[in-house]
Amino acid sequence: MSRFLVNLLQPLRTTHVVDVGANPIDGDPPYKPMLSQGLCEVTGFEPQAQALAELNLRKGPHETYLPYALGRGGAAELHICHYSGWTSLLKPRAAALEVFPQFQRNATVESVVALQTQRLDDVAELPAFDMLKIDVQGAELEVFESGRERLKHAVVIQTEISFIALYEQQPNFGAIDQVLRGMGFVPHCFAHIKHWPIAPLTASHITAAGPQLNQLLEADMVYVKDFVQPVAMDNEQLKHLCLLMHHCYRSFDLSARCIDLLQQRGALPSDALQRYVDHLNAGA
């Protein structure tokens, strides 16, 4: 990875990413290219002791992990499931597991732990951040609602959304979309989409030439601060949005939009956009 864009934009500080539910079970996070090159700092939250220990064992100099469970604040229960990726403040939904029986074993609740949740706005150790990546198995909306002040500064949110509720009282995609739009974010792209077969069929029943298994189950969706009406973003926010879009999602068009806006504001040289385009055409 090149430092070309950092050198072009000259942000006042390093990009800061918050990862809520940082349990390292789903491969590399989208910010890994930036982290590996020292282009961002990461603060992660992981209340599961084993997952937190693994994160701390593997972490580099630009990573900090905290043991808090984020939510609405106050007492809650953590449902520890057979597979840690199913562990949640919410209880798995029995009716959904009947329709998607492949999940039943992993979603089995093996213990329930009482804990205190922290509001995102109240975490004293957390500096201002630019990106929130969140996967807390159905409790995402609680974190958004309890982090409205912190999220005023952020420019990117990658959140897991569910089209079918897999947990009891889990907010659906429409509820999450409405809240994030109300906070000034708009959908940008899907980082990942998961389809799943509906019982009684399973993937093993279907040949390559057979019918499709089309049911949308979950997705990782990327929201960004509204770039159509960018007046709410200051120059520094535009710079970090540009960096995150370029390095994490290869959204070069949105990065170019940020550079163009900065150029119009006199915050970058008049040839900055052309230099970026030339950089892309050179195979960056």
Protein backbone atom coordinates (compact mmCIF):
# COMPACT_ATOMS: atom_id res chain seq x y z
CA MET A 1 0.00 0.00 0.00
CA SER A 2 1.22 3.46 -0.90
CA ARG A 3 1.19 6.48 1.40
CA PHE A 4 0.38 8.63 -1.63
CA LEU A 5 -3.09 9.58 -0.42
CA VAL A 6 -2.00 10.44 3.12
CA ASN A 7 0.73 12.62 1.68
CA LEU A 8 -1.75 14.29 -0.67
CA LEU A 9 -4.39 14.97 1.99
CA GLN A 10 -2.09 15.65 4.95
CA PRO A 11 -4.70 14.98 7.67
CA LEU A 12 -3.99 16.44 11.09
CA ARG A 13 -3.99 13.02 12.75
CA THR A 14 -4.11 9.31 12.03
CA THR A 15 -7.47 7.80 11.09
CA HIS A 16 -9.14 6.16 14.11
CA VAL A 17 -11.34 3.07 13.83
CA VAL A 18 -13.61 1.61 16.52
CA ASP A 19 -14.44 -2.09 16.22
CA VAL A 20 -17.37 -3.16 18.42
CA GLY A 21 -17.57 -6.93 18.71
CA ALA A 22 -14.00 -7.39 17.52
CA ASN A 23 -14.06 -11.19 17.97
CA PRO A 24 -11.64 -12.37 15.22
CA ILE A 25 -13.79 -15.10 13.67
CA ASP A 26 -14.71 -13.80 10.22
CA GLY A 27 -11.37 -13.16 8.58
CA ASP A 28 -9.59 -9.86 8.19
CA PRO A 29 -11.54 -6.66 8.97
CA PRO A 30 -11.92 -4.07 6.19
CA TYR A 31 -9.44 -1.74 7.84
CA LYS A 32 -6.65 -4.38 7.88
CA PRO A 33 -4.82 -2.83 4.87
CA MET A 34 -4.63 0.51 6.70
CA LEU A 35 -3.70 -1.04 10.04
CA SER A 36 -0.90 -3.13 8.61
CA GLN A 37 0.71 0.00 7.18
CA GLY A 38 0.23 2.15 10.28
CA LEU A 39 -2.37 4.31 8.53
CA CYS A 40 -4.96 3.91 11.29
CA GLU A 41 -5.36 3.32 15.00
CA VAL A 42 -7.93 0.78 16.23
CA THR A 43 -9.85 0.62 19.50
CA GLY A 44 -11.77 -2.64 19.80
CA PHE A 45 -14.43 -3.82 22.23
CA GLU A 46 -14.87 -7.50 23.08
CA PRO A 47 -16.60 -8.74 26.27
CA GLN A 48 -15.89 -12.45 25.67
CA ALA A 49 -12.79 -13.30 27.71
CA GLN A 50 -11.33 -15.88 25.33
CA ALA A 51 -11.81 -13.70 22.26
CA LEU A 52 -10.35 -10.70 24.08
CA ALA A 53 -7.30 -12.73 25.11
CA GLU A 54 -6.73 -13.78 21.50
CA LEU A 55 -7.03 -10.19 20.29
CA ASN A 56 -4.52 -8.99 22.87
CA LEU A 57 -2.15 -11.82 21.98
CA ARG A 58 -2.18 -10.91 18.29
CA LYS A 59 -2.43 -7.14 18.49
CA GLY A 60 0.11 -4.75 17.03
CA PRO A 61 1.33 -1.35 18.21
CA HIS A 62 -1.66 0.50 16.78
CA GLU A 63 -4.38 -1.60 18.47
CA THR A 64 -6.11 -1.30 21.85
CA TYR A 65 -8.82 -3.67 23.06
CA LEU A 66 -11.27 -3.02 25.89
CA PRO A 67 -13.42 -5.63 27.70
CA TYR A 68 -16.66 -3.66 27.68
CA ALA A 69 -19.99 -4.80 26.32
CA LEU A 70 -21.54 -1.79 24.63
CA GLY A 71 -25.28 -1.25 24.73
CA ARG A 72 -27.87 1.06 26.22
CA GLY A 73 -26.05 1.15 29.57
CA GLY A 74 -26.92 -0.69 32.78
CA ALA A 75 -27.51 -4.32 33.63
CA ALA A 76 -27.87 -6.89 30.87
CA GLU A 77 -27.34 -10.59 30.18
CA LEU A 78 -24.83 -12.03 27.74
CA HIS A 79 -26.04 -15.26 26.16
CA ILE A 80 -22.94 -17.40 25.65
CA CYS A 81 -23.60 -19.70 22.71
CA HIS A 82 -21.89 -22.89 21.58
CA TYR A 83 -20.24 -20.91 18.78
CA SER A 84 -18.88 -17.59 19.99
CA GLY A 85 -20.07 -15.85 16.84
CA TRP A 86 -23.64 -16.34 18.05
CA THR A 87 -23.05 -14.94 21.56
CA SER A 88 -25.26 -11.89 22.08
CA LEU A 89 -27.07 -9.66 24.53
CA LEU A 90 -30.17 -11.04 22.83
CA LYS A 91 -31.52 -14.57 23.02
CA PRO A 92 -31.55 -16.65 19.81
CA ARG A 93 -35.01 -16.81 18.26
CA ALA A 94 -36.39 -20.36 18.33
CA ALA A 95 -38.80 -19.83 15.42
CA ALA A 96 -35.99 -18.65 13.14
CA LEU A 97 -33.82 -21.61 14.10
CA GLU A 98 -36.59 -23.97 12.99
CA VAL A 99 -36.50 -22.37 9.53
CA PHE A 100 -32.69 -22.35 9.43
CA PRO A 101 -31.88 -25.54 11.38
CA GLN A 102 -28.22 -25.53 10.33
CA PHE A 103 -27.70 -22.86 13.00
CA GLN A 104 -29.31 -24.74 15.88
CA ARG A 105 -26.16 -26.28 17.34
CA ASN A 106 -24.07 -23.12 17.09
CA ALA A 107 -26.91 -21.02 18.55
CA THR A 108 -27.38 -23.23 21.61
CA VAL A 109 -27.11 -21.07 24.73
CA GLU A 110 -24.63 -22.75 27.07
CA SER A 111 -24.61 -20.11 29.82
CA VAL A 112 -25.97 -16.68 30.65
CA VAL A 113 -23.66 -14.11 32.21
CA ALA A 114 -24.89 -11.00 34.00
CA LEU A 115 -22.92 -7.88 33.12
CA GLN A 116 -23.06 -4.11 32.93
CA THR A 117 -23.20 -2.55 29.49
CA GLN A 118 -21.48 0.73 28.69
CA ARG A 119 -22.91 3.49 26.52
CA LEU A 120 -20.66 4.37 23.60
CA ASP A 121 -20.92 8.06 24.52
CA ASP A 122 -19.67 7.31 28.04
CA VAL A 123 -16.45 5.39 27.30
CA ALA A 124 -13.80 7.72 28.71
CA GLU A 125 -10.85 5.89 27.12
CA LEU A 126 -12.21 6.41 23.61
CA PRO A 127 -10.94 9.37 21.55
CA ALA A 128 -12.80 10.86 18.62
CA PHE A 129 -13.07 8.28 15.85
CA ASP A 130 -13.75 8.23 12.13
CA MET A 131 -15.13 4.76 11.49
CA LEU A 132 -17.32 2.40 13.48
CA LYS A 133 -17.31 -1.28 12.52
CA ILE A 134 -19.92 -3.15 14.51
CA ASP A 135 -21.11 -6.74 14.74
CA VAL A 136 -22.87 -7.46 18.02
CA GLN A 137 -25.39 -10.05 16.89
CA GLY A 138 -28.60 -8.06 16.88
CA ALA A 139 -27.82 -5.38 19.46
CA GLU A 140 -26.38 -2.84 16.99
CA LEU A 141 -29.25 -0.38 17.38
CA GLU A 142 -28.60 -0.06 21.13
CA VAL A 143 -25.03 1.00 20.39
CA PHE A 144 -26.11 3.57 17.79
CA GLU A 145 -28.71 5.06 20.12
CA SER A 146 -26.22 5.29 22.99
CA GLY A 147 -23.50 6.80 20.81
CA ARG A 148 -25.23 9.69 19.09
CA GLU A 149 -22.71 12.28 20.29
CA ARG A 150 -19.66 10.20 19.35
CA LEU A 151 -21.12 9.33 15.97
CA LYS A 152 -21.52 13.00 15.05
CA HIS A 153 -17.79 12.98 14.31
CA ALA A 154 -17.63 9.60 12.53
CA VAL A 155 -17.91 9.42 8.75
CA VAL A 156 -18.20 5.64 8.14
CA ILE A 157 -20.24 2.90 9.79
CA GLN A 158 -19.99 -0.73 8.74
CA THR A 159 -22.75 -2.63 10.46
CA GLU A 160 -24.17 -6.11 10.29
CA ILE A 161 -27.85 -6.02 9.37
CA SER A 162 -30.39 -8.85 9.40
CA PHE A 163 -33.21 -9.27 6.93
CA ILE A 164 -34.64 -12.12 9.04
CA ALA A 165 -34.51 -11.69 12.82
CA LEU A 166 -32.33 -14.45 14.27
CA TYR A 167 -32.65 -13.15 17.85
CA GLU A 168 -35.62 -12.22 19.99
CA GLN A 169 -36.48 -8.49 19.79
CA GLN A 170 -33.83 -7.93 17.12
CA PRO A 171 -34.39 -4.69 15.14
CA ASN A 172 -34.75 -5.25 11.43
CA PHE A 173 -32.90 -3.60 8.58
CA GLY A 174 -35.57 -0.93 8.18
CA ALA A 175 -35.26 0.20 11.81
CA ILE A 176 -31.48 0.44 11.60
CA ASP A 177 -31.60 2.25 8.26
CA GLN A 178 -34.08 4.80 9.61
CA VAL A 179 -31.93 5.60 12.66
CA LEU A 180 -28.69 5.91 10.70
CA ARG A 181 -30.29 8.13 8.07
CA GLY A 182 -31.63 10.30 10.89
CA MET A 183 -28.04 10.67 12.10
CA GLY A 184 -26.85 11.89 8.70
CA PHE A 185 -25.59 8.63 7.20
CA VAL A 186 -26.59 7.13 3.84
CA PRO A 187 -26.04 3.60 2.46
CA HIS A 188 -22.93 3.25 0.32
CA CYS A 189 -22.27 -0.44 -0.39
CA PHE A 190 -22.55 -4.00 0.84
CA ALA A 191 -19.26 -5.34 2.15
CA HIS A 192 -20.74 -8.84 2.33
CA ILE A 193 -24.14 -10.45 1.71
CA LYS A 194 -25.21 -13.82 3.10
CA HIS A 195 -27.93 -15.93 1.45
CA TRP A 196 -29.20 -19.02 3.22
CA PRO A 197 -31.43 -21.99 2.29
CA ILE A 198 -34.90 -22.20 3.86
CA ALA A 199 -35.83 -25.54 5.46
CA PRO A 200 -36.61 -28.21 4.49
CA LEU A 201 -34.05 -27.73 1.72
CA THR A 202 -30.36 -27.40 2.48
CA ALA A 203 -27.43 -26.59 0.26
CA SER A 204 -26.71 -30.30 -0.05
CA HIS A 205 -30.04 -30.84 -1.84
CA ILE A 206 -29.17 -28.46 -4.67
CA THR A 207 -27.00 -29.28 -7.66
CA ALA A 208 -25.01 -26.65 -9.52
CA ALA A 209 -27.69 -26.53 -12.24
CA GLY A 210 -30.59 -26.62 -9.80
CA PRO A 211 -32.83 -23.90 -8.33
CA GLN A 212 -31.39 -20.91 -6.52
CA LEU A 213 -31.27 -20.42 -2.77
CA ASN A 214 -32.20 -16.75 -2.68
CA GLN A 215 -33.21 -15.90 0.87
CA LEU A 216 -31.39 -12.84 2.13
CA LEU A 217 -30.27 -13.54 5.68
CA GLU A 218 -27.64 -11.01 6.75
CA ALA A 219 -25.27 -8.47 5.28
CA ASP A 220 -22.43 -6.20 6.28
CA MET A 221 -23.55 -2.79 5.04
CA VAL A 222 -21.43 0.33 4.78
CA TYR A 223 -22.98 3.72 5.60
CA VAL A 224 -21.20 7.03 5.04
CA LYS A 225 -21.94 10.61 6.01
CA ASP A 226 -24.12 12.20 3.35
CA PHE A 227 -21.78 13.21 0.52
CA VAL A 228 -24.62 14.76 -1.49
CA GLN A 229 -25.03 17.44 1.18
CA PRO A 230 -21.48 17.58 2.59
CA VAL A 231 -21.82 20.90 4.41
CA ALA A 232 -22.06 18.99 7.71
CA MET A 233 -18.55 17.58 7.22
CA ASP A 234 -15.47 19.67 8.00
CA ASN A 235 -12.26 19.31 6.02
CA GLU A 236 -10.73 16.77 8.39
CA GLN A 237 -13.80 14.55 8.16
CA LEU A 238 -13.66 14.66 4.37
CA LYS A 239 -10.01 13.63 4.46
CA HIS A 240 -10.65 10.59 6.65
CA LEU A 241 -13.70 9.61 4.61
CA CYS A 242 -11.49 9.75 1.53
CA LEU A 243 -8.82 7.56 3.13
CA LEU A 244 -11.28 4.97 4.43
CA MET A 245 -13.14 4.68 1.14
CA HIS A 246 -9.94 4.29 -0.85
CA HIS A 247 -8.11 1.82 1.36
CA CYS A 248 -10.94 -0.21 2.92
CA TYR A 249 -13.51 -0.45 0.12
CA ARG A 250 -11.77 0.67 -3.09
CA SER A 251 -14.56 3.21 -3.51
CA PHE A 252 -12.41 5.47 -5.63
CA ASP A 253 -15.34 7.54 -6.88
CA LEU A 254 -16.32 8.61 -3.36
CA SER A 255 -12.68 9.31 -2.52
CA ALA A 256 -12.48 11.50 -5.62
CA ARG A 257 -15.65 13.31 -4.54
CA CYS A 258 -14.00 14.12 -1.20
CA ILE A 259 -10.87 15.43 -2.92
CA ASP A 260 -12.95 17.55 -5.28
CA LEU A 261 -14.85 19.09 -2.34
CA LEU A 262 -11.61 19.81 -0.50
CA GLN A 263 -10.20 21.36 -3.64
CA GLN A 264 -13.29 23.60 -3.97
CA ARG A 265 -12.83 24.69 -0.34
CA GLY A 266 -9.23 25.63 -0.98
CA ALA A 267 -8.01 22.94 1.43
CA LEU A 268 -6.04 21.11 -1.28
CA PRO A 269 -4.03 22.29 -4.29
CA SER A 270 -5.97 22.86 -7.50
CA ASP A 271 -4.34 19.84 -9.13
CA ALA A 272 -5.09 17.40 -6.29
CA LEU A 273 -7.94 15.60 -8.06
CA GLN A 274 -5.93 15.13 -11.24
CA ARG A 275 -3.02 13.80 -9.22
CA TYR A 276 -5.33 11.27 -7.59
CA VAL A 277 -6.75 10.17 -10.94
CA ASP A 278 -3.23 9.80 -12.33
CA HIS A 279 -2.32 7.74 -9.26
CA LEU A 280 -5.29 5.42 -9.88
CA ASN A 281 -4.46 5.07 -13.58
CA ALA A 282 -0.91 4.15 -12.64
CA GLY A 283 -2.30 1.03 -11.01
CA ALA A 284 -2.56 2.08 -7.38
